[in-house]
């Protein structure tokens, strides 16, 4: 479940305009990023992991989710299907809440203190 949530976050955060830089050298750089440049998939996965984990980690911290909605599209043979339209900030909230629930449960399962299915 956690891996699927991280992949979903990666898809959202890799869309153009989904994230803003928190470490910009100039206002012009932030405007360029906000105007439609998307992250590479590894960087988007880092943002997704940063949003998912219930503790603060430096990976992905240089990006913050935008508030303007982005669209997930599937294009096949010149036909476009809109799969989902979502605000990246909503996705970040979903990841953070799920991370606070799933990470402790996964730690308990890995330590043998909780058995799956019980």
PDB file of N, CA and C in Angstrom:
ATOM      1  N   UNK A   1       0.821  -1.192   0.000  1.00  0.00           N
ATOM      2  CA  UNK A   1       0.000   0.000   0.000  1.00  0.00           C
ATOM      3  C   UNK A   1       0.866   1.258   0.000  1.00  0.00           C
ATOM      4  N   UNK A   2       1.919   1.236   0.801  1.00  0.00           N
ATOM      5  CA  UNK A   2       2.809   2.392   0.873  1.00  0.00           C
ATOM      6  C   UNK A   2       3.480   2.657  -0.469  1.00  0.00           C
ATOM      7  N   UNK A   3       3.923   1.589  -1.141  1.00  0.00           N
ATOM      8  CA  UNK A   3       4.576   1.750  -2.443  1.00  0.00           C
ATOM      9  C   UNK A   3       3.612   2.345  -3.466  1.00  0.00           C
ATOM     10  N   UNK A   4       2.356   1.924  -3.440  1.00  0.00           N
ATOM     11  CA  UNK A   4       1.366   2.478  -4.372  1.00  0.00           C
ATOM     12  C   UNK A   4       1.117   3.957  -4.097  1.00  0.00           C
ATOM     13  N   UNK A   5       1.051   4.328  -2.826  1.00  0.00           N
ATOM     14  CA  UNK A   5       0.875   5.737  -2.477  1.00  0.00           C
ATOM     15  C   UNK A   5       2.067   6.575  -2.923  1.00  0.00           C
ATOM     16  N   UNK A   6       3.283   6.046  -2.753  1.00  0.00           N
ATOM     17  CA  UNK A   6       4.472   6.771  -3.184  1.00  0.00           C
ATOM     18  C   UNK A   6       4.498   6.932  -4.704  1.00  0.00           C
ATOM     19  N   UNK A   7       4.101   5.897  -5.430  1.00  0.00           N
ATOM     20  CA  UNK A   7       4.045   5.995  -6.898  1.00  0.00           C
ATOM     21  C   UNK A   7       2.972   6.978  -7.347  1.00  0.00           C
ATOM     22  N   UNK A   8       1.848   6.981  -6.667  1.00  0.00           N
ATOM     23  CA  UNK A   8       0.793   7.946  -6.981  1.00  0.00           C
ATOM     24  C   UNK A   8       1.297   9.370  -6.759  1.00  0.00           C
ATOM     25  N   UNK A   9       1.976   9.588  -5.633  1.00  0.00           N
ATOM     26  CA  UNK A   9       2.554  10.898  -5.361  1.00  0.00           C
ATOM     27  C   UNK A   9       3.579  11.290  -6.416  1.00  0.00           C
ATOM     28  N   UNK A  10       4.385  10.326  -6.841  1.00  0.00           N
ATOM     29  CA  UNK A  10       5.369  10.595  -7.887  1.00  0.00           C
ATOM     30  C   UNK A  10       4.688  11.058  -9.173  1.00  0.00           C
ATOM     31  N   UNK A  11       3.592  10.408  -9.544  1.00  0.00           N
ATOM     32  CA  UNK A  11       2.862  10.809 -10.750  1.00  0.00           C
ATOM     33  C   UNK A  11       2.311  12.225 -10.633  1.00  0.00           C
ATOM     34  N   UNK A  12       1.776  12.565  -9.473  1.00  0.00           N
ATOM     35  CA  UNK A  12       1.226  13.906  -9.264  1.00  0.00           C
ATOM     36  C   UNK A  12       2.339  14.951  -9.263  1.00  0.00           C
ATOM     37  N   UNK A  13       3.410  14.705  -8.499  1.00  0.00           N
ATOM     38  CA  UNK A  13       4.463  15.710  -8.348  1.00  0.00           C
ATOM     39  C   UNK A  13       5.346  15.847  -9.583  1.00  0.00           C
ATOM     40  N   UNK A  14       5.275  14.908 -10.510  1.00  0.00           N
ATOM     41  CA  UNK A  14       6.061  15.038 -11.741  1.00  0.00           C
ATOM     42  C   UNK A  14       5.339  15.853 -12.808  1.00  0.00           C
ATOM     43  N   UNK A  15       4.087  16.188 -12.574  1.00  0.00           N
ATOM     44  CA  UNK A  15       3.329  16.995 -13.534  1.00  0.00           C
ATOM     45  C   UNK A  15       3.863  18.432 -13.558  1.00  0.00           C
ATOM     46  N   UNK A  16       3.827  19.075 -14.712  1.00  0.00           N
ATOM     47  CA  UNK A  16       4.275  20.471 -14.793  1.00  0.00           C
ATOM     48  C   UNK A  16       3.467  21.385 -13.871  1.00  0.00           C
ATOM     49  N   UNK A  17       4.177  22.195 -13.116  1.00  0.00           N
ATOM     50  CA  UNK A  17       3.529  23.145 -12.215  1.00  0.00           C
ATOM     51  C   UNK A  17       3.052  22.568 -10.902  1.00  0.00           C
ATOM     52  N   UNK A  18       3.416  21.310 -10.595  1.00  0.00           N
ATOM     53  CA  UNK A  18       2.915  20.666  -9.378  1.00  0.00           C
ATOM     54  C   UNK A  18       3.690  21.057  -8.126  1.00  0.00           C
ATOM     55  N   UNK A  19       4.929  21.503  -8.294  1.00  0.00           N
ATOM     56  CA  UNK A  19       5.750  21.870  -7.135  1.00  0.00           C
ATOM     57  C   UNK A  19       6.397  23.231  -7.347  1.00  0.00           C
ATOM     58  N   UNK A  20       6.738  23.840  -6.230  1.00  0.00           N
ATOM     59  CA  UNK A  20       7.463  25.107  -6.242  1.00  0.00           C
ATOM     60  C   UNK A  20       8.760  24.913  -5.480  1.00  0.00           C
ATOM     61  N   UNK A  21       9.786  25.620  -5.895  1.00  0.00           N
ATOM     62  CA  UNK A  21      11.075  25.522  -5.222  1.00  0.00           C
ATOM     63  C   UNK A  21      11.040  26.296  -3.918  1.00  0.00           C
ATOM     64  N   UNK A  22      11.568  25.687  -2.859  1.00  0.00           N
ATOM     65  CA  UNK A  22      11.667  26.396  -1.590  1.00  0.00           C
ATOM     66  C   UNK A  22      13.039  27.048  -1.443  1.00  0.00           C
ATOM     67  N   UNK A  23      13.989  26.646  -2.292  1.00  0.00           N
ATOM     68  CA  UNK A  23      15.334  27.224  -2.247  1.00  0.00           C
ATOM     69  C   UNK A  23      15.607  27.890  -3.589  1.00  0.00           C
ATOM     70  N   UNK A  24      14.978  28.994  -3.832  1.00  0.00           N
ATOM     71  CA  UNK A  24      15.210  29.672  -5.100  1.00  0.00           C
ATOM     72  C   UNK A  24      16.210  30.795  -4.901  1.00  0.00           C
ATOM     73  N   UNK A  25      17.068  30.934  -5.892  1.00  0.00           N
ATOM     74  CA  UNK A  25      18.058  32.002  -5.840  1.00  0.00           C
ATOM     75  C   UNK A  25      17.456  33.346  -6.226  1.00  0.00           C
ATOM     76  N   UNK A  26      16.359  33.269  -6.958  1.00  0.00           N
ATOM     77  CA  UNK A  26      15.730  34.516  -7.390  1.00  0.00           C
ATOM     78  C   UNK A  26      14.234  34.281  -7.579  1.00  0.00           C
ATOM     79  N   UNK A  27      13.426  35.334  -7.521  1.00  0.00           N
ATOM     80  CA  UNK A  27      11.988  35.185  -7.779  1.00  0.00           C
ATOM     81  C   UNK A  27      11.715  34.702  -9.205  1.00  0.00           C
ATOM     82  N   UNK A  28      12.607  35.036 -10.143  1.00  0.00           N
ATOM     83  CA  UNK A  28      12.434  34.611 -11.536  1.00  0.00           C
ATOM     84  C   UNK A  28      12.511  33.085 -11.642  1.00  0.00           C
ATOM     85  N   UNK A  29      13.430  32.459 -10.891  1.00  0.00           N
ATOM     86  CA  UNK A  29      13.571  31.007 -10.911  1.00  0.00           C
ATOM     87  C   UNK A  29      12.300  30.336 -10.405  1.00  0.00           C
ATOM     88  N   UNK A  30      11.720  30.842  -9.329  1.00  0.00           N
ATOM     89  CA  UNK A  30      10.479  30.290  -8.797  1.00  0.00           C
ATOM     90  C   UNK A  30       9.351  30.452  -9.806  1.00  0.00           C
ATOM     91  N   UNK A  31       9.294  31.585 -10.495  1.00  0.00           N
ATOM     92  CA  UNK A  31       8.255  31.812 -11.496  1.00  0.00           C
ATOM     93  C   UNK A  31       8.387  30.841 -12.657  1.00  0.00           C
ATOM     94  N   UNK A  32       9.607  30.522 -13.061  1.00  0.00           N
ATOM     95  CA  UNK A  32       9.820  29.567 -14.155  1.00  0.00           C
ATOM     96  C   UNK A  32       9.352  28.181 -13.743  1.00  0.00           C
ATOM     97  N   UNK A  33       9.678  27.772 -12.523  1.00  0.00           N
ATOM     98  CA  UNK A  33       9.276  26.451 -12.040  1.00  0.00           C
ATOM     99  C   UNK A  33       7.757  26.376 -11.923  1.00  0.00           C
ATOM    100  N   UNK A  34       7.136  27.438 -11.432  1.00  0.00           N
ATOM    101  CA  UNK A  34       5.685  27.441 -11.253  1.00  0.00           C
ATOM    102  C   UNK A  34       4.946  27.492 -12.571  1.00  0.00           C
ATOM    103  N   UNK A  35       5.605  27.966 -13.632  1.00  0.00           N
ATOM    104  CA  UNK A  35       4.898  28.157 -14.891  1.00  0.00           C
ATOM    105  C   UNK A  35       4.796  26.902 -15.738  1.00  0.00           C
ATOM    106  N   UNK A  36       5.323  25.788 -15.313  1.00  0.00           N
ATOM    107  CA  UNK A  36       5.066  24.592 -16.074  1.00  0.00           C
ATOM    108  C   UNK A  36       6.193  23.604 -16.229  1.00  0.00           C
ATOM    109  N   UNK A  37       7.298  23.767 -15.555  1.00  0.00           N
ATOM    110  CA  UNK A  37       8.373  22.798 -15.650  1.00  0.00           C
ATOM    111  C   UNK A  37       8.091  21.694 -14.644  1.00  0.00           C
ATOM    112  N   UNK A  38       8.094  20.445 -15.112  1.00  0.00           N
ATOM    113  CA  UNK A  38       7.841  19.319 -14.218  1.00  0.00           C
ATOM    114  C   UNK A  38       9.133  18.719 -13.713  1.00  0.00           C
ATOM    115  N   UNK A  39       9.043  17.988 -12.626  1.00  0.00           N
ATOM    116  CA  UNK A  39      10.204  17.310 -12.060  1.00  0.00           C
ATOM    117  C   UNK A  39      10.457  15.999 -12.778  1.00  0.00           C
ATOM    118  N   UNK A  40      11.719  15.563 -12.737  1.00  0.00           N
ATOM    119  CA  UNK A  40      12.033  14.218 -13.211  1.00  0.00           C
ATOM    120  C   UNK A  40      11.403  13.232 -12.229  1.00  0.00           C
ATOM    121  N   UNK A  41      11.206  12.003 -12.656  1.00  0.00           N
ATOM    122  CA  UNK A  41      10.504  11.030 -11.823  1.00  0.00           C
ATOM    123  C   UNK A  41      11.236  10.757 -10.503  1.00  0.00           C
ATOM    124  N   UNK A  42      12.569  10.720 -10.505  1.00  0.00           N
ATOM    125  CA  UNK A  42      13.299  10.474  -9.257  1.00  0.00           C
ATOM    126  C   UNK A  42      13.105  11.620  -8.283  1.00  0.00           C
ATOM    127  N   UNK A  43      13.123  12.860  -8.795  1.00  0.00           N
ATOM    128  CA  UNK A  43      12.904  14.007  -7.922  1.00  0.00           C
ATOM    129  C   UNK A  43      11.468  14.023  -7.397  1.00  0.00           C
ATOM    130  N   UNK A  44      10.520  13.664  -8.247  1.00  0.00           N
ATOM    131  CA  UNK A  44       9.114  13.606  -7.830  1.00  0.00           C
ATOM    132  C   UNK A  44       8.910  12.506  -6.782  1.00  0.00           C
ATOM    133  N   UNK A  45       9.619  11.389  -6.934  1.00  0.00           N
ATOM    134  CA  UNK A  45       9.547  10.320  -5.937  1.00  0.00           C
ATOM    135  C   UNK A  45      10.135  10.793  -4.603  1.00  0.00           C
ATOM    136  N   UNK A  46      11.189  11.600  -4.658  1.00  0.00           N
ATOM    137  CA  UNK A  46      11.780  12.157  -3.434  1.00  0.00           C
ATOM    138  C   UNK A  46      10.792  13.080  -2.729  1.00  0.00           C
ATOM    139  N   UNK A  47      10.068  13.895  -3.488  1.00  0.00           N
ATOM    140  CA  UNK A  47       9.046  14.770  -2.898  1.00  0.00           C
ATOM    141  C   UNK A  47       7.939  13.925  -2.281  1.00  0.00           C
ATOM    142  N   UNK A  48       7.536  12.890  -2.989  1.00  0.00           N
ATOM    143  CA  UNK A  48       6.492  11.997  -2.484  1.00  0.00           C
ATOM    144  C   UNK A  48       6.927  11.336  -1.176  1.00  0.00           C
ATOM    145  N   UNK A  49       8.167  10.871  -1.112  1.00  0.00           N
ATOM    146  CA  UNK A  49       8.687  10.248   0.108  1.00  0.00           C
ATOM    147  C   UNK A  49       8.776  11.267   1.237  1.00  0.00           C
ATOM    148  N   UNK A  50       9.216  12.476   0.920  1.00  0.00           N
ATOM    149  CA  UNK A  50       9.306  13.538   1.929  1.00  0.00           C
ATOM    150  C   UNK A  50       7.927  13.850   2.519  1.00  0.00           C
ATOM    151  N   UNK A  51       6.906  13.869   1.684  1.00  0.00           N
ATOM    152  CA  UNK A  51       5.554  14.151   2.150  1.00  0.00           C
ATOM    153  C   UNK A  51       4.959  12.966   2.916  1.00  0.00           C
ATOM    154  N   UNK A  52       5.353  11.742   2.557  1.00  0.00           N
ATOM    155  CA  UNK A  52       4.776  10.534   3.149  1.00  0.00           C
ATOM    156  C   UNK A  52       5.316  10.236   4.549  1.00  0.00           C
ATOM    157  N   UNK A  53       6.606  10.398   4.755  1.00  0.00           N
ATOM    158  CA  UNK A  53       7.207  10.012   6.026  1.00  0.00           C
ATOM    159  C   UNK A  53       6.752  10.921   7.161  1.00  0.00           C
ATOM    160  N   UNK A  54       6.441  10.336   8.317  1.00  0.00           N
ATOM    161  CA  UNK A  54       5.975  11.154   9.439  1.00  0.00           C
ATOM    162  C   UNK A  54       7.096  11.897  10.164  1.00  0.00           C
ATOM    163  N   UNK A  55       8.337  11.716   9.728  1.00  0.00           N
ATOM    164  CA  UNK A  55       9.440  12.451  10.312  1.00  0.00           C
ATOM    165  C   UNK A  55      10.108  13.300   9.228  1.00  0.00           C
ATOM    166  N   UNK A  56      10.851  14.287   9.644  1.00  0.00           N
ATOM    167  CA  UNK A  56      11.475  15.218   8.711  1.00  0.00           C
ATOM    168  C   UNK A  56      12.752  14.600   8.140  1.00  0.00           C
ATOM    169  N   UNK A  57      12.816  14.496   6.810  1.00  0.00           N
ATOM    170  CA  UNK A  57      14.009  14.013   6.123  1.00  0.00           C
ATOM    171  C   UNK A  57      14.405  15.057   5.076  1.00  0.00           C
ATOM    172  N   UNK A  58      15.706  15.182   4.792  1.00  0.00           N
ATOM    173  CA  UNK A  58      16.132  16.208   3.849  1.00  0.00           C
ATOM    174  C   UNK A  58      15.799  15.904   2.384  1.00  0.00           C
ATOM    175  N   UNK A  59      15.619  14.640   2.035  1.00  0.00           N
ATOM    176  CA  UNK A  59      15.340  14.303   0.642  1.00  0.00           C
ATOM    177  C   UNK A  59      13.988  14.889   0.212  1.00  0.00           C
ATOM    178  N   UNK A  60      13.990  15.609  -0.880  1.00  0.00           N
ATOM    179  CA  UNK A  60      12.763  16.195  -1.412  1.00  0.00           C
ATOM    180  C   UNK A  60      12.306  17.458  -0.713  1.00  0.00           C
ATOM    181  N   UNK A  61      13.087  17.942   0.256  1.00  0.00           N
ATOM    182  CA  UNK A  61      12.646  19.105   1.029  1.00  0.00           C
ATOM    183  C   UNK A  61      12.802  20.421   0.271  1.00  0.00           C
ATOM    184  N   UNK A  62      13.499  20.398  -0.859  1.00  0.00           N
ATOM    185  CA  UNK A  62      13.670  21.637  -1.620  1.00  0.00           C
ATOM    186  C   UNK A  62      12.462  21.981  -2.485  1.00  0.00           C
ATOM    187  N   UNK A  63      11.444  21.143  -2.422  1.00  0.00           N
ATOM    188  CA  UNK A  63      10.218  21.373  -3.201  1.00  0.00           C
ATOM    189  C   UNK A  63       9.013  21.401  -2.274  1.00  0.00           C
ATOM    190  N   UNK A  64       8.056  22.237  -2.605  1.00  0.00           N
ATOM    191  CA  UNK A  64       6.808  22.292  -1.853  1.00  0.00           C
ATOM    192  C   UNK A  64       5.646  22.132  -2.835  1.00  0.00           C
ATOM    193  N   UNK A  65       4.600  21.397  -2.457  1.00  0.00           N
ATOM    194  CA  UNK A  65       3.464  21.187  -3.372  1.00  0.00           C
ATOM    195  C   UNK A  65       2.750  22.502  -3.690  1.00  0.00           C
ATOM    196  N   UNK A  66       2.371  22.642  -4.942  1.00  0.00           N
ATOM    197  CA  UNK A  66       1.634  23.827  -5.385  1.00  0.00           C
ATOM    198  C   UNK A  66       0.160  23.680  -5.033  1.00  0.00           C
ATOM    199  N   UNK A  67      -0.571  24.775  -5.166  1.00  0.00           N
ATOM    200  CA  UNK A  67      -2.003  24.750  -4.845  1.00  0.00           C
ATOM    201  C   UNK A  67      -2.882  24.676  -6.084  1.00  0.00           C
ATOM    202  N   UNK A  68      -2.319  24.967  -7.245  1.00  0.00           N
ATOM    203  CA  UNK A  68      -3.113  24.908  -8.476  1.00  0.00           C
ATOM    204  C   UNK A  68      -3.258  23.459  -8.933  1.00  0.00           C
ATOM    205  N   UNK A  69      -4.454  23.058  -9.362  1.00  0.00           N
ATOM    206  CA  UNK A  69      -4.667  21.661  -9.763  1.00  0.00           C
ATOM    207  C   UNK A  69      -3.813  21.252 -10.969  1.00  0.00           C
ATOM    208  N   UNK A  70      -3.419  19.994 -10.969  1.00  0.00           N
ATOM    209  CA  UNK A  70      -2.730  19.388 -12.108  1.00  0.00           C
ATOM    210  C   UNK A  70      -3.588  18.235 -12.615  1.00  0.00           C
ATOM    211  N   UNK A  71      -3.342  17.830 -13.842  1.00  0.00           N
ATOM    212  CA  UNK A  71      -4.152  16.796 -14.473  1.00  0.00           C
ATOM    213  C   UNK A  71      -3.287  15.613 -14.867  1.00  0.00           C
ATOM    214  N   UNK A  72      -3.726  14.410 -14.507  1.00  0.00           N
ATOM    215  CA  UNK A  72      -3.095  13.185 -14.987  1.00  0.00           C
ATOM    216  C   UNK A  72      -3.829  12.758 -16.248  1.00  0.00           C
ATOM    217  N   UNK A  73      -3.076  12.651 -17.334  1.00  0.00           N
ATOM    218  CA  UNK A  73      -3.673  12.287 -18.626  1.00  0.00           C
ATOM    219  C   UNK A  73      -3.052  11.005 -19.142  1.00  0.00           C
ATOM    220  N   UNK A  74      -3.832  10.272 -19.894  1.00  0.00           N
ATOM    221  CA  UNK A  74      -3.347   9.089 -20.599  1.00  0.00           C
ATOM    222  C   UNK A  74      -3.606   9.323 -22.073  1.00  0.00           C
ATOM    223  N   UNK A  75      -2.539   9.296 -22.879  1.00  0.00           N
ATOM    224  CA  UNK A  75      -2.668   9.537 -24.316  1.00  0.00           C
ATOM    225  C   UNK A  75      -2.334   8.248 -25.050  1.00  0.00           C
ATOM    226  N   UNK A  76      -3.252   7.835 -25.918  1.00  0.00           N
ATOM    227  CA  UNK A  76      -3.050   6.631 -26.714  1.00  0.00           C
ATOM    228  C   UNK A  76      -3.611   6.873 -28.107  1.00  0.00           C
ATOM    229  N   UNK A  77      -2.740   6.792 -29.094  1.00  0.00           N
ATOM    230  CA  UNK A  77      -3.130   6.984 -30.500  1.00  0.00           C
ATOM    231  C   UNK A  77      -3.900   8.285 -30.708  1.00  0.00           C
ATOM    232  N   UNK A  78      -3.339   9.352 -30.218  1.00  0.00           N
ATOM    233  CA  UNK A  78      -3.879  10.705 -30.365  1.00  0.00           C
ATOM    234  C   UNK A  78      -5.201  10.926 -29.629  1.00  0.00           C
ATOM    235  N   UNK A  79      -5.601   9.975 -28.814  1.00  0.00           N
ATOM    236  CA  UNK A  79      -6.786  10.146 -27.977  1.00  0.00           C
ATOM    237  C   UNK A  79      -6.319  10.400 -26.558  1.00  0.00           C
ATOM    238  N   UNK A  80      -6.932  11.379 -25.932  1.00  0.00           N
ATOM    239  CA  UNK A  80      -6.538  11.758 -24.580  1.00  0.00           C
ATOM    240  C   UNK A  80      -7.642  11.422 -23.594  1.00  0.00           C
ATOM    241  N   UNK A  81      -7.256  10.773 -22.527  1.00  0.00           N
ATOM    242  CA  UNK A  81      -8.178  10.428 -21.457  1.00  0.00           C
ATOM    243  C   UNK A  81      -7.684  11.088 -20.176  1.00  0.00           C
ATOM    244  N   UNK A  82      -8.518  11.916 -19.565  1.00  0.00           N
ATOM    245  CA  UNK A  82      -8.160  12.558 -18.306  1.00  0.00           C
ATOM    246  C   UNK A  82      -8.487  11.587 -17.175  1.00  0.00           C
ATOM    247  N   UNK A  83      -7.441  11.139 -16.473  1.00  0.00           N
ATOM    248  CA  UNK A  83      -7.614  10.180 -15.398  1.00  0.00           C
ATOM    249  C   UNK A  83      -7.992  10.843 -14.077  1.00  0.00           C
ATOM    250  N   UNK A  84      -7.362  11.996 -13.785  1.00  0.00           N
ATOM    251  CA  UNK A  84      -7.562  12.615 -12.491  1.00  0.00           C
ATOM    252  C   UNK A  84      -7.126  14.071 -12.551  1.00  0.00           C
ATOM    253  N   UNK A  85      -7.854  14.917 -11.850  1.00  0.00           N
ATOM    254  CA  UNK A  85      -7.475  16.327 -11.674  1.00  0.00           C
ATOM    255  C   UNK A  85      -7.435  16.579 -10.179  1.00  0.00           C
ATOM    256  N   UNK A  86      -6.257  16.983  -9.681  1.00  0.00           N
ATOM    257  CA  UNK A  86      -6.065  17.101  -8.235  1.00  0.00           C
ATOM    258  C   UNK A  86      -5.062  18.206  -7.910  1.00  0.00           C
ATOM    259  N   UNK A  87      -5.256  18.818  -6.763  1.00  0.00           N
ATOM    260  CA  UNK A  87      -4.277  19.784  -6.276  1.00  0.00           C
ATOM    261  C   UNK A  87      -3.111  19.011  -5.659  1.00  0.00           C
ATOM    262  N   UNK A  88      -1.870  19.363  -5.990  1.00  0.00           N
ATOM    263  CA  UNK A  88      -0.725  18.688  -5.363  1.00  0.00           C
ATOM    264  C   UNK A  88      -0.714  18.840  -3.848  1.00  0.00           C
ATOM    265  N   UNK A  89      -1.238  19.945  -3.331  1.00  0.00           N
ATOM    266  CA  UNK A  89      -1.298  20.114  -1.876  1.00  0.00           C
ATOM    267  C   UNK A  89      -2.259  19.111  -1.247  1.00  0.00           C
ATOM    268  N   UNK A  90      -3.318  18.745  -1.956  1.00  0.00           N
ATOM    269  CA  UNK A  90      -4.240  17.714  -1.471  1.00  0.00           C
ATOM    270  C   UNK A  90      -3.554  16.353  -1.464  1.00  0.00           C
ATOM    271  N   UNK A  91      -2.782  16.089  -2.500  1.00  0.00           N
ATOM    272  CA  UNK A  91      -2.023  14.833  -2.569  1.00  0.00           C
ATOM    273  C   UNK A  91      -1.021  14.759  -1.421  1.00  0.00           C
ATOM    274  N   UNK A  92      -0.356  15.872  -1.120  1.00  0.00           N
ATOM    275  CA  UNK A  92       0.607  15.905  -0.019  1.00  0.00           C
ATOM    276  C   UNK A  92      -0.084  15.630   1.313  1.00  0.00           C
ATOM    277  N   UNK A  93      -1.270  16.180   1.498  1.00  0.00           N
ATOM    278  CA  UNK A  93      -2.029  15.940   2.728  1.00  0.00           C
ATOM    279  C   UNK A  93      -2.407  14.467   2.841  1.00  0.00           C
ATOM    280  N   UNK A  94      -2.872  13.886   1.747  1.00  0.00           N
ATOM    281  CA  UNK A  94      -3.213  12.462   1.716  1.00  0.00           C
ATOM    282  C   UNK A  94      -1.998  11.607   2.059  1.00  0.00           C
ATOM    283  N   UNK A  95      -0.854  11.920   1.463  1.00  0.00           N
ATOM    284  CA  UNK A  95       0.367  11.165   1.747  1.00  0.00           C
ATOM    285  C   UNK A  95       0.774  11.296   3.213  1.00  0.00           C
ATOM    286  N   UNK A  96       0.695  12.498   3.759  1.00  0.00           N
ATOM    287  CA  UNK A  96       1.114  12.726   5.146  1.00  0.00           C
ATOM    288  C   UNK A  96       0.221  11.956   6.125  1.00  0.00           C
ATOM    289  N   UNK A  97      -1.088  12.000   5.924  1.00  0.00           N
ATOM    290  CA  UNK A  97      -2.020  11.287   6.808  1.00  0.00           C
ATOM    291  C   UNK A  97      -1.809   9.780   6.708  1.00  0.00           C
ATOM    292  N   UNK A  98      -1.687   9.271   5.495  1.00  0.00           N
ATOM    293  CA  UNK A  98      -1.448   7.833   5.312  1.00  0.00           C
ATOM    294  C   UNK A  98      -0.099   7.418   5.893  1.00  0.00           C
ATOM    295  N   UNK A  99       0.897   8.287   5.777  1.00  0.00           N
ATOM    296  CA  UNK A  99       2.211   7.986   6.347  1.00  0.00           C
ATOM    297  C   UNK A  99       2.166   7.881   7.854  1.00  0.00           C
ATOM    298  N   UNK A 100       1.412   8.769   8.502  1.00  0.00           N
ATOM    299  CA  UNK A 100       1.280   8.710   9.957  1.00  0.00           C
ATOM    300  C   UNK A 100       0.568   7.440  10.410  1.00  0.00           C
ATOM    301  N   UNK A 101      -0.258   6.866   9.552  1.00  0.00           N
ATOM    302  CA  UNK A 101      -0.970   5.634   9.907  1.00  0.00           C
ATOM    303  C   UNK A 101      -0.165   4.398   9.527  1.00  0.00           C
ATOM    304  N   UNK A 102       0.339   4.367   8.285  1.00  0.00           N
ATOM    305  CA  UNK A 102       0.967   3.148   7.769  1.00  0.00           C
ATOM    306  C   UNK A 102       2.378   2.892   8.278  1.00  0.00           C
ATOM    307  N   UNK A 103       3.194   3.913   8.419  1.00  0.00           N
ATOM    308  CA  UNK A 103       4.590   3.700   8.825  1.00  0.00           C
ATOM    309  C   UNK A 103       4.681   3.043  10.199  1.00  0.00           C
ATOM    310  N   UNK A 104       3.976   3.527  11.222  1.00  0.00           N
ATOM    311  CA  UNK A 104       4.048   2.820  12.511  1.00  0.00           C
ATOM    312  C   UNK A 104       3.525   1.380  12.442  1.00  0.00           C
ATOM    313  N   UNK A 105       2.469   1.162  11.663  1.00  0.00           N
ATOM    314  CA  UNK A 105       1.958  -0.210  11.521  1.00  0.00           C
ATOM    315  C   UNK A 105       2.981  -1.115  10.852  1.00  0.00           C
ATOM    316  N   UNK A 106       3.671  -0.598   9.830  1.00  0.00           N
ATOM    317  CA  UNK A 106       4.684  -1.400   9.140  1.00  0.00           C
ATOM    318  C   UNK A 106       5.864  -1.699  10.062  1.00  0.00           C
ATOM    319  N   UNK A 107       6.224  -0.754  10.919  1.00  0.00           N
ATOM    320  CA  UNK A 107       7.307  -0.992  11.879  1.00  0.00           C
ATOM    321  C   UNK A 107       6.902  -2.083  12.862  1.00  0.00           C
ATOM    322  N   UNK A 108       5.663  -2.054  13.335  1.00  0.00           N
ATOM    323  CA  UNK A 108       5.182  -3.093  14.251  1.00  0.00           C
ATOM    324  C   UNK A 108       5.186  -4.466  13.585  1.00  0.00           C
ATOM    325  N   UNK A 109       4.757  -4.532  12.331  1.00  0.00           N
ATOM    326  CA  UNK A 109       4.752  -5.803  11.608  1.00  0.00           C
ATOM    327  C   UNK A 109       6.171  -6.310  11.401  1.00  0.00           C
ATOM    328  N   UNK A 110       7.087  -5.433  10.999  1.00  0.00           N
ATOM    329  CA  UNK A 110       8.470  -5.861  10.775  1.00  0.00           C
ATOM    330  C   UNK A 110       9.151  -6.331  12.049  1.00  0.00           C
ATOM    331  N   UNK A 111       8.807  -5.772  13.181  1.00  0.00           N
ATOM    332  CA  UNK A 111       9.380  -6.185  14.462  1.00  0.00           C
ATOM    333  C   UNK A 111       8.680  -7.395  15.068  1.00  0.00           C
ATOM    334  N   UNK A 112       7.619  -7.862  14.444  1.00  0.00           N
ATOM    335  CA  UNK A 112       6.920  -9.035  14.934  1.00  0.00           C
ATOM    336  C   UNK A 112       5.948  -8.754  16.069  1.00  0.00           C
ATOM    337  N   UNK A 113       5.719  -7.484  16.357  1.00  0.00           N
ATOM    338  CA  UNK A 113       4.798  -7.142  17.440  1.00  0.00           C
ATOM    339  C   UNK A 113       3.352  -7.181  16.995  1.00  0.00           C
ATOM    340  N   UNK A 114       3.139  -7.180  15.708  1.00  0.00           N
ATOM    341  CA  UNK A 114       1.803  -7.244  15.144  1.00  0.00           C
ATOM    342  C   UNK A 114       1.849  -8.166  13.943  1.00  0.00           C
ATOM    343  N   UNK A 115       0.959  -9.112  13.908  1.00  0.00           N
ATOM    344  CA  UNK A 115       0.941 -10.065  12.785  1.00  0.00           C
ATOM    345  C   UNK A 115      -0.127  -9.639  11.790  1.00  0.00           C
ATOM    346  N   UNK A 116       0.217  -9.669  10.490  1.00  0.00           N
ATOM    347  CA  UNK A 116      -0.786  -9.310   9.477  1.00  0.00           C
ATOM    348  C   UNK A 116      -1.968 -10.275   9.541  1.00  0.00           C
ATOM    349  N   UNK A 117      -3.160  -9.730   9.430  1.00  0.00           N
ATOM    350  CA  UNK A 117      -4.353 -10.545   9.435  1.00  0.00           C
ATOM    351  C   UNK A 117      -4.917 -10.831  10.828  1.00  0.00           C
ATOM    352  N   UNK A 118      -4.326 -10.258  11.868  1.00  0.00           N
ATOM    353  CA  UNK A 118      -4.862 -10.492  13.210  1.00  0.00           C
ATOM    354  C   UNK A 118      -5.495  -9.252  13.761  1.00  0.00           C
TER     355      UNK A 118
END
